[in-house]
Protein backbone atom coordinates (compact mmCIF):
# COMPACT_ATOMS: atom_id res chain seq x y z
CA UNK A 1 38.30 207.56 -58.35
CA UNK A 2 39.01 210.70 -56.35
CA UNK A 3 42.05 210.38 -54.14
CA UNK A 4 42.30 211.53 -50.53
CA UNK A 5 44.84 214.26 -51.25
CA UNK A 6 43.85 216.63 -54.04
CA UNK A 7 46.52 218.00 -56.35
CA UNK A 8 45.24 221.58 -56.16
CA UNK A 9 44.96 223.00 -52.65
CA UNK A 10 43.64 226.31 -51.33
CA UNK A 11 46.27 228.50 -49.64
CA UNK A 12 46.13 231.80 -47.74
CA UNK A 13 48.70 234.51 -48.53
CA UNK A 14 49.43 237.07 -45.81
CA UNK A 15 51.37 240.35 -46.05
CA UNK A 16 54.78 239.90 -44.45
CA UNK A 17 55.41 243.59 -43.72
CA UNK A 18 52.08 244.01 -41.86
CA UNK A 19 52.86 240.95 -39.72
CA UNK A 20 56.29 242.36 -38.78
CA UNK A 21 54.92 245.82 -37.94
CA UNK A 22 51.92 244.48 -36.03
CA UNK A 23 48.42 245.93 -35.98
CA UNK A 24 48.57 249.61 -34.97
CA UNK A 25 46.78 252.82 -35.85
CA UNK A 26 49.18 253.22 -38.77
CA UNK A 27 48.51 249.63 -39.95
CA UNK A 28 44.87 248.85 -39.01
CA UNK A 29 44.88 245.26 -40.29
CA UNK A 30 46.68 242.48 -42.13
CA UNK A 31 46.16 241.98 -45.85
CA UNK A 32 45.22 238.42 -46.86
CA UNK A 33 44.55 236.76 -50.21
CA UNK A 34 43.11 233.29 -50.94
CA UNK A 35 44.42 231.40 -53.96
CA UNK A 36 45.18 227.88 -55.17
CA UNK A 37 48.44 226.10 -55.89
CA UNK A 38 49.43 222.80 -57.44
CA UNK A 39 50.89 220.59 -54.70
CA UNK A 40 53.10 218.63 -57.14
CA UNK A 41 54.61 221.61 -59.00
CA UNK A 42 55.19 223.85 -55.93
CA UNK A 43 55.74 221.73 -52.80
CA UNK A 44 57.44 224.62 -50.96
CA UNK A 45 55.67 227.65 -49.50
CA UNK A 46 54.33 230.12 -52.02
CA UNK A 47 55.41 233.80 -52.01
CA UNK A 48 53.88 236.35 -54.37
CA UNK A 49 54.15 240.11 -54.70
CA UNK A 50 50.61 241.48 -54.15
CA UNK A 51 49.08 244.86 -53.28
CA UNK A 52 48.52 245.48 -49.57
CA UNK A 53 45.71 247.94 -48.96
CA UNK A 54 46.97 248.72 -45.45
CA UNK A 55 50.58 249.47 -46.47
CA UNK A 56 49.29 251.04 -49.71
CA UNK A 57 52.06 249.42 -51.78
CA UNK A 58 53.07 246.12 -53.38
CA UNK A 59 54.66 243.79 -50.81
CA UNK A 60 55.61 240.13 -50.50
CA UNK A 61 52.70 237.95 -49.38
CA UNK A 62 53.72 234.56 -48.00
CA UNK A 63 51.74 231.38 -47.50
CA UNK A 64 50.46 230.79 -43.96
CA UNK A 65 49.43 227.58 -42.28
CA UNK A 66 45.69 226.93 -41.91
């Protein structure tokens, strides 16, 4: 009944501006969100505009590999 590959998968979104700037005193960490996506509707990598608490502004968060 259940197939080996589920349609909905869990993905991790990571702030792209924090990754570029690196972890410093100004940017103490990297903002990450966990969400789900439909594998059939969005086969490419997901990018959403989310709030980064380290940058203190809305930035692009891209999907990272597990």
